[in-house]
Amino acid sequence: MADSFDSLRERVAAILSDRRRRARYLAVLGCLAVVVTMGTGVALMRSGLAKTHDVRELDCPVTGVVAHHHTAECYDDEGNLVCKLPEREPHTHDDSCYEERTFLVCGKEESADHHHTDECYRTERVLTCGLDECTESHQHTDACFRTVSVDDEDGSRSRVL
């Protein structure tokens, strides 16, 4: 009976030893799987970052007639003008912007029956400077820009909020 007890003890010891060896093997295998997964993820992220990048684009909401001088923010990295606002000086209409003009308003031809008098004419003050009045001015701020993600492979753009 002692032989069977020793035999049983040896089998139990072998099973426990095998179980420990498997546990160590699985722990090492799990660690290797984590390292490979993280390395692959980092490599893909670096590759992806190299192919896309964020660009700050001018997307100014200001419209209408405003005084504006183009600055560095009005040009892209290649030096192309991207600002939609025209460059203009502030201007307020004064007397030098107007002329007095006289118009015939009676609608009749001068004839033996009709002679034009002062009542046939109307004098109006006409704007002649050719400039739009603009008293507000605008310089671009951060609110005039949006961030766009550019894919270097096909040049496509998508807005980033």
N, C-alpha and C. Protein backbone atom coordinates (compact mmCIF):
# COMPACT_ATOMS: atom_id res chain seq x y z
N MET A 1 0.81 -1.17 0.00
CA MET A 1 0.00 0.00 0.00
C MET A 1 0.86 1.25 0.00
N ALA A 2 2.03 1.15 0.57
CA ALA A 2 2.95 2.27 0.59
C ALA A 2 3.40 2.60 -0.81
N ASP A 3 3.54 1.57 -1.64
CA ASP A 3 3.93 1.82 -3.03
C ASP A 3 2.85 2.58 -3.78
N SER A 4 1.62 2.23 -3.57
CA SER A 4 0.53 2.92 -4.26
C SER A 4 0.40 4.35 -3.74
N PHE A 5 0.67 4.55 -2.42
CA PHE A 5 0.61 5.89 -1.86
C PHE A 5 1.74 6.75 -2.43
N ASP A 6 2.96 6.17 -2.54
CA ASP A 6 4.09 6.90 -3.13
C ASP A 6 3.83 7.18 -4.60
N SER A 7 3.26 6.23 -5.28
CA SER A 7 2.94 6.39 -6.70
C SER A 7 1.92 7.52 -6.88
N LEU A 8 0.93 7.57 -6.00
CA LEU A 8 -0.09 8.62 -6.06
C LEU A 8 0.54 9.98 -5.77
N ARG A 9 1.42 10.00 -4.76
CA ARG A 9 2.09 11.25 -4.39
C ARG A 9 2.94 11.74 -5.57
N GLU A 10 3.63 10.87 -6.28
CA GLU A 10 4.44 11.25 -7.43
C GLU A 10 3.57 11.79 -8.56
N ARG A 11 2.42 11.16 -8.78
CA ARG A 11 1.51 11.62 -9.84
C ARG A 11 0.97 13.01 -9.51
N VAL A 12 0.60 13.24 -8.24
CA VAL A 12 0.09 14.55 -7.81
C VAL A 12 1.18 15.59 -7.97
N ALA A 13 2.42 15.27 -7.57
CA ALA A 13 3.54 16.20 -7.70
C ALA A 13 3.78 16.52 -9.17
N ALA A 14 3.69 15.55 -10.05
CA ALA A 14 3.90 15.76 -11.48
C ALA A 14 2.80 16.65 -12.06
N ILE A 15 1.58 16.40 -11.62
CA ILE A 15 0.45 17.22 -12.11
C ILE A 15 0.62 18.67 -11.65
N LEU A 16 0.97 18.87 -10.38
CA LEU A 16 1.16 20.23 -9.86
C LEU A 16 2.33 20.93 -10.55
N SER A 17 3.40 20.20 -10.79
CA SER A 17 4.56 20.76 -11.48
C SER A 17 4.19 21.16 -12.91
N ASP A 18 3.44 20.30 -13.56
CA ASP A 18 2.99 20.59 -14.93
C ASP A 18 2.07 21.82 -14.95
N ARG A 19 1.21 21.93 -13.95
CA ARG A 19 0.28 23.06 -13.86
C ARG A 19 1.07 24.37 -13.68
N ARG A 20 2.12 24.36 -12.82
CA ARG A 20 2.95 25.56 -12.61
C ARG A 20 3.68 25.95 -13.89
N ARG A 21 4.21 24.96 -14.59
CA ARG A 21 4.91 25.20 -15.84
C ARG A 21 3.97 25.82 -16.87
N ARG A 22 2.75 25.32 -16.96
CA ARG A 22 1.76 25.87 -17.89
C ARG A 22 1.39 27.31 -17.50
N ALA A 23 1.25 27.57 -16.22
CA ALA A 23 0.90 28.92 -15.74
C ALA A 23 2.02 29.91 -16.11
N ARG A 24 3.30 29.49 -15.91
CA ARG A 24 4.43 30.36 -16.30
C ARG A 24 4.42 30.58 -17.82
N TYR A 25 4.19 29.53 -18.57
CA TYR A 25 4.16 29.61 -20.02
C TYR A 25 3.07 30.58 -20.47
N LEU A 26 1.87 30.46 -19.89
CA LEU A 26 0.77 31.36 -20.26
C LEU A 26 1.05 32.80 -19.86
N ALA A 27 1.72 33.01 -18.72
CA ALA A 27 2.07 34.37 -18.28
C ALA A 27 3.06 35.00 -19.26
N VAL A 28 4.08 34.25 -19.66
CA VAL A 28 5.06 34.75 -20.63
C VAL A 28 4.39 35.01 -21.97
N LEU A 29 3.54 34.10 -22.41
CA LEU A 29 2.83 34.26 -23.67
C LEU A 29 1.92 35.50 -23.63
N GLY A 30 1.25 35.72 -22.52
CA GLY A 30 0.39 36.90 -22.36
C GLY A 30 1.19 38.19 -22.42
N CYS A 31 2.35 38.21 -21.74
CA CYS A 31 3.21 39.40 -21.78
C CYS A 31 3.69 39.67 -23.20
N LEU A 32 4.09 38.63 -23.90
CA LEU A 32 4.53 38.80 -25.29
C LEU A 32 3.39 39.32 -26.17
N ALA A 33 2.19 38.83 -25.96
CA ALA A 33 1.04 39.30 -26.74
C ALA A 33 0.78 40.79 -26.49
N VAL A 34 0.90 41.22 -25.24
CA VAL A 34 0.71 42.65 -24.92
C VAL A 34 1.78 43.49 -25.60
N VAL A 35 3.03 43.05 -25.54
CA VAL A 35 4.13 43.80 -26.16
C VAL A 35 3.93 43.90 -27.67
N VAL A 36 3.58 42.80 -28.31
CA VAL A 36 3.37 42.82 -29.76
C VAL A 36 2.19 43.71 -30.13
N THR A 37 1.11 43.62 -29.37
CA THR A 37 -0.07 44.45 -29.66
C THR A 37 0.26 45.93 -29.50
N MET A 38 0.93 46.29 -28.41
CA MET A 38 1.28 47.70 -28.19
C MET A 38 2.26 48.20 -29.24
N GLY A 39 3.23 47.38 -29.59
CA GLY A 39 4.20 47.77 -30.62
C GLY A 39 3.54 47.98 -31.96
N THR A 40 2.62 47.10 -32.32
CA THR A 40 1.89 47.25 -33.57
C THR A 40 1.05 48.53 -33.55
N GLY A 41 0.39 48.78 -32.44
CA GLY A 41 -0.44 49.99 -32.32
C GLY A 41 0.38 51.25 -32.46
N VAL A 42 1.53 51.29 -31.79
CA VAL A 42 2.40 52.46 -31.87
C VAL A 42 2.91 52.64 -33.29
N ALA A 43 3.32 51.55 -33.93
CA ALA A 43 3.82 51.64 -35.31
C ALA A 43 2.74 52.15 -36.25
N LEU A 44 1.50 51.68 -36.09
CA LEU A 44 0.41 52.14 -36.94
C LEU A 44 0.06 53.61 -36.67
N MET A 45 0.11 54.02 -35.41
CA MET A 45 -0.18 55.41 -35.09
C MET A 45 0.88 56.33 -35.69
N ARG A 46 2.14 55.95 -35.58
CA ARG A 46 3.21 56.78 -36.15
C ARG A 46 3.06 56.87 -37.65
N SER A 47 2.75 55.79 -38.28
CA SER A 47 2.55 55.78 -39.73
C SER A 47 1.35 56.65 -40.10
N GLY A 48 0.28 56.53 -39.32
CA GLY A 48 -0.92 57.33 -39.58
C GLY A 48 -0.68 58.80 -39.34
N LEU A 49 0.08 59.16 -38.32
CA LEU A 49 0.38 60.56 -38.06
C LEU A 49 1.26 61.15 -39.14
N ALA A 50 2.08 60.34 -39.73
CA ALA A 50 2.95 60.84 -40.79
C ALA A 50 2.15 61.12 -42.05
N LYS A 51 1.00 60.51 -42.22
CA LYS A 51 0.22 60.67 -43.43
C LYS A 51 -0.90 61.69 -43.29
N THR A 52 -1.20 62.12 -42.08
CA THR A 52 -2.21 63.15 -41.88
C THR A 52 -1.66 64.18 -40.91
N HIS A 53 -2.14 65.39 -41.05
CA HIS A 53 -1.76 66.44 -40.11
C HIS A 53 -2.86 67.49 -40.07
N ASP A 54 -2.90 68.22 -38.97
CA ASP A 54 -3.91 69.26 -38.81
C ASP A 54 -3.36 70.58 -39.32
N VAL A 55 -4.23 71.32 -40.01
CA VAL A 55 -3.86 72.61 -40.57
C VAL A 55 -4.87 73.63 -40.08
N ARG A 56 -4.38 74.82 -39.74
CA ARG A 56 -5.26 75.92 -39.35
C ARG A 56 -5.63 76.68 -40.61
N GLU A 57 -6.94 76.74 -40.92
CA GLU A 57 -7.41 77.41 -42.13
C GLU A 57 -8.21 78.64 -41.77
N LEU A 58 -8.07 79.67 -42.59
CA LEU A 58 -8.86 80.88 -42.41
C LEU A 58 -10.29 80.60 -42.86
N ASP A 59 -11.24 80.84 -41.98
CA ASP A 59 -12.66 80.65 -42.28
C ASP A 59 -13.42 81.79 -41.59
N CYS A 60 -13.12 82.99 -42.02
CA CYS A 60 -13.60 84.19 -41.34
C CYS A 60 -15.10 84.39 -41.59
N PRO A 61 -15.88 84.57 -40.52
CA PRO A 61 -17.33 84.77 -40.68
C PRO A 61 -17.70 86.21 -41.04
N VAL A 62 -16.74 87.14 -41.02
CA VAL A 62 -17.04 88.54 -41.28
C VAL A 62 -17.31 88.75 -42.76
N THR A 63 -18.41 89.40 -43.06
CA THR A 63 -18.76 89.74 -44.44
C THR A 63 -19.16 91.21 -44.48
N GLY A 64 -19.40 91.70 -45.66
CA GLY A 64 -19.85 93.08 -45.78
C GLY A 64 -18.68 94.02 -45.94
N VAL A 65 -18.97 95.28 -45.74
CA VAL A 65 -17.98 96.32 -45.97
C VAL A 65 -17.30 96.67 -44.65
N VAL A 66 -16.05 96.26 -44.52
CA VAL A 66 -15.26 96.59 -43.34
C VAL A 66 -13.86 96.99 -43.82
N ALA A 67 -13.25 97.88 -43.07
CA ALA A 67 -11.87 98.24 -43.36
C ALA A 67 -10.99 97.07 -42.96
N HIS A 68 -10.02 96.74 -43.83
CA HIS A 68 -9.20 95.56 -43.57
C HIS A 68 -7.87 95.70 -44.29
N HIS A 69 -6.79 95.37 -43.61
CA HIS A 69 -5.47 95.29 -44.22
C HIS A 69 -4.98 93.86 -44.10
N HIS A 70 -4.51 93.28 -45.20
CA HIS A 70 -4.03 91.91 -45.18
C HIS A 70 -2.76 91.80 -44.36
N THR A 71 -2.75 90.81 -43.46
CA THR A 71 -1.59 90.51 -42.63
C THR A 71 -1.16 89.07 -42.92
N ALA A 72 -0.20 88.56 -42.18
CA ALA A 72 0.30 87.19 -42.39
C ALA A 72 -0.81 86.16 -42.27
N GLU A 73 -1.82 86.42 -41.43
CA GLU A 73 -2.92 85.47 -41.26
C GLU A 73 -3.77 85.33 -42.51
N CYS A 74 -3.66 86.27 -43.43
CA CYS A 74 -4.47 86.26 -44.65
C CYS A 74 -3.86 85.40 -45.75
N TYR A 75 -2.68 84.83 -45.51
CA TYR A 75 -1.98 84.04 -46.51
C TYR A 75 -1.73 82.63 -45.99
N ASP A 76 -1.73 81.64 -46.91
CA ASP A 76 -1.43 80.26 -46.50
C ASP A 76 0.08 80.05 -46.46
N ASP A 77 0.50 78.82 -46.18
CA ASP A 77 1.93 78.50 -46.04
C ASP A 77 2.71 78.72 -47.33
N GLU A 78 2.03 78.65 -48.47
CA GLU A 78 2.70 78.85 -49.76
C GLU A 78 2.68 80.31 -50.19
N GLY A 79 2.09 81.19 -49.37
CA GLY A 79 2.05 82.62 -49.69
C GLY A 79 0.86 83.04 -50.52
N ASN A 80 -0.12 82.16 -50.70
CA ASN A 80 -1.32 82.49 -51.47
C ASN A 80 -2.32 83.22 -50.57
N LEU A 81 -2.94 84.26 -51.11
CA LEU A 81 -3.96 85.00 -50.37
C LEU A 81 -5.19 84.12 -50.21
N VAL A 82 -5.61 83.87 -48.97
CA VAL A 82 -6.78 83.03 -48.71
C VAL A 82 -7.90 83.82 -48.04
N CYS A 83 -7.66 85.08 -47.75
CA CYS A 83 -8.64 85.93 -47.09
C CYS A 83 -9.68 86.38 -48.12
N LYS A 84 -10.96 86.29 -47.75
CA LYS A 84 -12.04 86.67 -48.66
C LYS A 84 -12.39 88.15 -48.57
N LEU A 85 -11.85 88.83 -47.55
CA LEU A 85 -12.15 90.25 -47.38
C LEU A 85 -11.27 91.07 -48.31
N PRO A 86 -11.85 92.08 -48.96
CA PRO A 86 -11.00 92.96 -49.77
C PRO A 86 -10.22 93.90 -48.86
N GLU A 87 -9.06 94.27 -49.32
CA GLU A 87 -8.27 95.22 -48.54
C GLU A 87 -8.83 96.61 -48.80
N ARG A 88 -9.21 97.30 -47.73
CA ARG A 88 -9.75 98.64 -47.91
C ARG A 88 -9.51 99.49 -46.68
N GLU A 89 -9.40 100.78 -46.95
CA GLU A 89 -9.19 101.77 -45.90
C GLU A 89 -10.54 102.14 -45.30
N PRO A 90 -10.55 102.58 -44.04
CA PRO A 90 -11.80 103.11 -43.48
C PRO A 90 -12.21 104.35 -44.27
N HIS A 91 -13.50 104.53 -44.50
CA HIS A 91 -13.98 105.69 -45.26
C HIS A 91 -15.33 106.13 -44.73
N THR A 92 -15.45 107.41 -44.48
CA THR A 92 -16.73 108.02 -44.10
C THR A 92 -17.02 109.11 -45.13
N HIS A 93 -18.21 109.06 -45.73
CA HIS A 93 -18.56 110.06 -46.73
C HIS A 93 -18.65 111.45 -46.10
N ASP A 94 -18.05 112.42 -46.79
CA ASP A 94 -18.16 113.82 -46.38
C ASP A 94 -18.57 114.63 -47.61
N ASP A 95 -18.57 115.95 -47.53
CA ASP A 95 -19.03 116.80 -48.63
C ASP A 95 -18.22 116.59 -49.91
N SER A 96 -16.94 116.21 -49.78
CA SER A 96 -16.13 116.02 -50.98
C SER A 96 -16.55 114.78 -51.77
N CYS A 97 -17.36 113.93 -51.20
CA CYS A 97 -17.82 112.70 -51.87
C CYS A 97 -19.08 112.95 -52.72
N TYR A 98 -19.65 114.12 -52.65
CA TYR A 98 -20.93 114.39 -53.32
C TYR A 98 -20.77 115.53 -54.32
N GLU A 99 -21.65 115.50 -55.33
CA GLU A 99 -21.78 116.59 -56.30
C GLU A 99 -23.24 116.96 -56.40
N GLU A 100 -23.49 118.23 -56.67
CA GLU A 100 -24.85 118.67 -56.95
C GLU A 100 -25.08 118.46 -58.44
N ARG A 101 -26.13 117.75 -58.81
CA ARG A 101 -26.46 117.51 -60.22
C ARG A 101 -27.92 117.89 -60.44
N THR A 102 -28.17 118.45 -61.61
CA THR A 102 -29.52 118.91 -61.96
C THR A 102 -30.07 117.99 -63.04
N PHE A 103 -31.31 117.56 -62.82
CA PHE A 103 -31.98 116.64 -63.73
C PHE A 103 -33.28 117.26 -64.24
N LEU A 104 -33.58 117.02 -65.52
CA LEU A 104 -34.86 117.43 -66.10
C LEU A 104 -35.91 116.43 -65.67
N VAL A 105 -36.98 116.91 -65.04
CA VAL A 105 -37.96 115.98 -64.49
C VAL A 105 -39.37 116.18 -65.06
N CYS A 106 -39.55 117.16 -65.91
CA CYS A 106 -40.92 117.41 -66.40
C CYS A 106 -41.34 116.40 -67.45
N GLY A 107 -40.39 115.79 -68.14
CA GLY A 107 -40.72 114.77 -69.12
C GLY A 107 -41.18 115.33 -70.46
N LYS A 108 -41.06 116.62 -70.66
CA LYS A 108 -41.50 117.24 -71.92
C LYS A 108 -40.31 117.78 -72.68
N GLU A 109 -40.45 117.83 -74.01
CA GLU A 109 -39.45 118.44 -74.87
C GLU A 109 -39.68 119.94 -74.88
N GLU A 110 -38.61 120.69 -75.01
CA GLU A 110 -38.76 122.15 -75.14
C GLU A 110 -39.37 122.43 -76.51
N SER A 111 -40.43 123.24 -76.56
CA SER A 111 -41.12 123.55 -77.81
C SER A 111 -41.76 124.93 -77.69
N ALA A 112 -42.52 125.29 -78.73
CA ALA A 112 -43.21 126.58 -78.70
C ALA A 112 -44.26 126.59 -77.58
N ASP A 113 -44.81 125.39 -77.26
CA ASP A 113 -45.83 125.31 -76.22
C ASP A 113 -45.24 125.16 -74.81
N HIS A 114 -43.96 124.73 -74.74
CA HIS A 114 -43.39 124.48 -73.41
C HIS A 114 -41.97 125.01 -73.36
N HIS A 115 -41.72 125.84 -72.40
CA HIS A 115 -40.37 126.33 -72.14
C HIS A 115 -40.00 125.86 -70.73
N HIS A 116 -38.80 125.23 -70.62
CA HIS A 116 -38.38 124.72 -69.32
C HIS A 116 -38.14 125.88 -68.35
N THR A 117 -38.70 125.72 -67.17
CA THR A 117 -38.50 126.69 -66.09
C THR A 117 -37.83 125.95 -64.93
N ASP A 118 -37.62 126.65 -63.84
CA ASP A 118 -37.01 126.02 -62.66
C ASP A 118 -37.84 124.84 -62.15
N GLU A 119 -39.14 124.87 -62.40
CA GLU A 119 -40.01 123.77 -61.96
C GLU A 119 -39.79 122.49 -62.74
N CYS A 120 -39.16 122.57 -63.91
CA CYS A 120 -38.88 121.39 -64.73
C CYS A 120 -37.61 120.66 -64.31
N TYR A 121 -36.86 121.24 -63.41
CA TYR A 121 -35.58 120.66 -62.99
C TYR A 121 -35.59 120.33 -61.51
N ARG A 122 -34.81 119.32 -61.20
CA ARG A 122 -34.62 118.98 -59.78
C ARG A 122 -33.11 118.83 -59.56
N THR A 123 -32.63 119.40 -58.51
CA THR A 123 -31.22 119.30 -58.15
C THR A 123 -31.08 118.28 -57.02
N GLU A 124 -30.16 117.35 -57.23
CA GLU A 124 -29.93 116.30 -56.22
C GLU A 124 -28.46 116.26 -55.87
N ARG A 125 -28.21 115.81 -54.68
CA ARG A 125 -26.86 115.58 -54.21
C ARG A 125 -26.52 114.12 -54.53
N VAL A 126 -25.52 113.89 -55.39
CA VAL A 126 -25.19 112.56 -55.89
C VAL A 126 -23.82 112.14 -55.36
N LEU A 127 -23.75 110.91 -54.87
CA LEU A 127 -22.50 110.35 -54.37
C LEU A 127 -21.58 110.06 -55.56
N THR A 128 -20.38 110.61 -55.55
CA THR A 128 -19.47 110.46 -56.70
C THR A 128 -18.11 109.87 -56.34
N CYS A 129 -17.84 109.61 -55.07
CA CYS A 129 -16.49 109.16 -54.69
C CYS A 129 -16.22 107.72 -55.13
N GLY A 130 -17.25 106.92 -55.32
CA GLY A 130 -17.07 105.54 -55.76
C GLY A 130 -16.63 104.57 -54.67
N LEU A 131 -16.60 105.03 -53.44
CA LEU A 131 -16.19 104.17 -52.33
C LEU A 131 -17.39 103.81 -51.47
N ASP A 132 -17.35 102.62 -50.90
CA ASP A 132 -18.36 102.23 -49.92
C ASP A 132 -17.97 102.83 -48.59
N GLU A 133 -18.97 103.27 -47.85
CA GLU A 133 -18.68 103.80 -46.52
C GLU A 133 -18.41 102.61 -45.60
N CYS A 134 -17.28 102.66 -44.93
CA CYS A 134 -16.96 101.60 -43.96
C CYS A 134 -16.26 102.24 -42.78
N THR A 135 -16.93 102.15 -41.66
CA THR A 135 -16.37 102.72 -40.44
C THR A 135 -15.87 101.62 -39.50
N GLU A 136 -16.31 100.37 -39.72
CA GLU A 136 -15.83 99.26 -38.90
C GLU A 136 -14.58 98.68 -39.54
N SER A 137 -13.63 98.21 -38.71
CA SER A 137 -12.46 97.56 -39.26
C SER A 137 -12.36 96.16 -38.66
N HIS A 138 -11.59 95.30 -39.32
CA HIS A 138 -11.49 93.91 -38.88
C HIS A 138 -10.08 93.40 -39.08
N GLN A 139 -9.52 92.79 -38.04
CA GLN A 139 -8.29 92.02 -38.13
C GLN A 139 -8.63 90.61 -37.64
N HIS A 140 -8.09 89.61 -38.31
CA HIS A 140 -8.44 88.23 -37.98
C HIS A 140 -7.96 87.85 -36.57
N THR A 141 -8.82 87.10 -35.86
CA THR A 141 -8.51 86.55 -34.54
C THR A 141 -8.65 85.04 -34.62
N ASP A 142 -8.47 84.35 -33.50
CA ASP A 142 -8.62 82.89 -33.48
C ASP A 142 -10.01 82.46 -33.91
N ALA A 143 -11.01 83.31 -33.71
CA ALA A 143 -12.39 82.96 -34.10
C ALA A 143 -12.54 82.88 -35.62
N CYS A 144 -11.60 83.42 -36.36
CA CYS A 144 -11.66 83.42 -37.83
C CYS A 144 -11.04 82.16 -38.43
N PHE A 145 -10.55 81.26 -37.61
CA PHE A 145 -9.85 80.08 -38.12
C PHE A 145 -10.56 78.80 -37.69
N ARG A 146 -10.35 77.75 -38.47
CA ARG A 146 -10.82 76.41 -38.12
C ARG A 146 -9.65 75.46 -38.32
N THR A 147 -9.69 74.33 -37.65
CA THR A 147 -8.65 73.33 -37.80
C THR A 147 -9.15 72.25 -38.74
N VAL A 148 -8.33 71.90 -39.72
CA VAL A 148 -8.69 70.92 -40.73
C VAL A 148 -7.63 69.83 -40.73
N SER A 149 -8.07 68.58 -40.77
CA SER A 149 -7.16 67.44 -40.85
C SER A 149 -6.93 67.13 -42.33
N VAL A 150 -5.67 67.11 -42.76
CA VAL A 150 -5.34 66.89 -44.16
C VAL A 150 -4.70 65.52 -44.31
N ASP A 151 -5.22 64.72 -45.25
CA ASP A 151 -4.65 63.41 -45.57
C ASP A 151 -3.62 63.63 -46.67
N ASP A 152 -2.34 63.38 -46.37
CA ASP A 152 -1.27 63.65 -47.32
C ASP A 152 -1.31 62.75 -48.55
N GLU A 153 -1.95 61.59 -48.45
CA GLU A 153 -1.96 60.68 -49.59
C GLU A 153 -2.88 61.18 -50.69
N ASP A 154 -4.10 61.61 -50.35
CA ASP A 154 -5.03 62.04 -51.40
C ASP A 154 -5.40 63.52 -51.30
N GLY A 155 -4.87 64.23 -50.32
CA GLY A 155 -5.12 65.67 -50.20
C GLY A 155 -6.49 66.01 -49.66
N SER A 156 -7.28 65.01 -49.27
CA SER A 156 -8.63 65.29 -48.77
C SER A 156 -8.55 65.97 -47.43
N ARG A 157 -9.60 66.76 -47.13
CA ARG A 157 -9.65 67.52 -45.88
C ARG A 157 -10.94 67.20 -45.16
N SER A 158 -10.84 67.17 -43.84
CA SER A 158 -12.03 67.00 -43.02
C SER A 158 -11.91 67.95 -41.85
N ARG A 159 -13.02 68.59 -41.52
CA ARG A 159 -13.02 69.58 -40.46
C ARG A 159 -12.87 68.91 -39.10
N VAL A 160 -12.02 69.47 -38.28
CA VAL A 160 -11.80 69.00 -36.92
C VAL A 160 -12.39 70.04 -36.01
N LEU A 161 -13.26 69.62 -35.09
CA LEU A 161 -13.86 70.61 -34.19
C LEU A 161 -13.03 70.82 -32.98
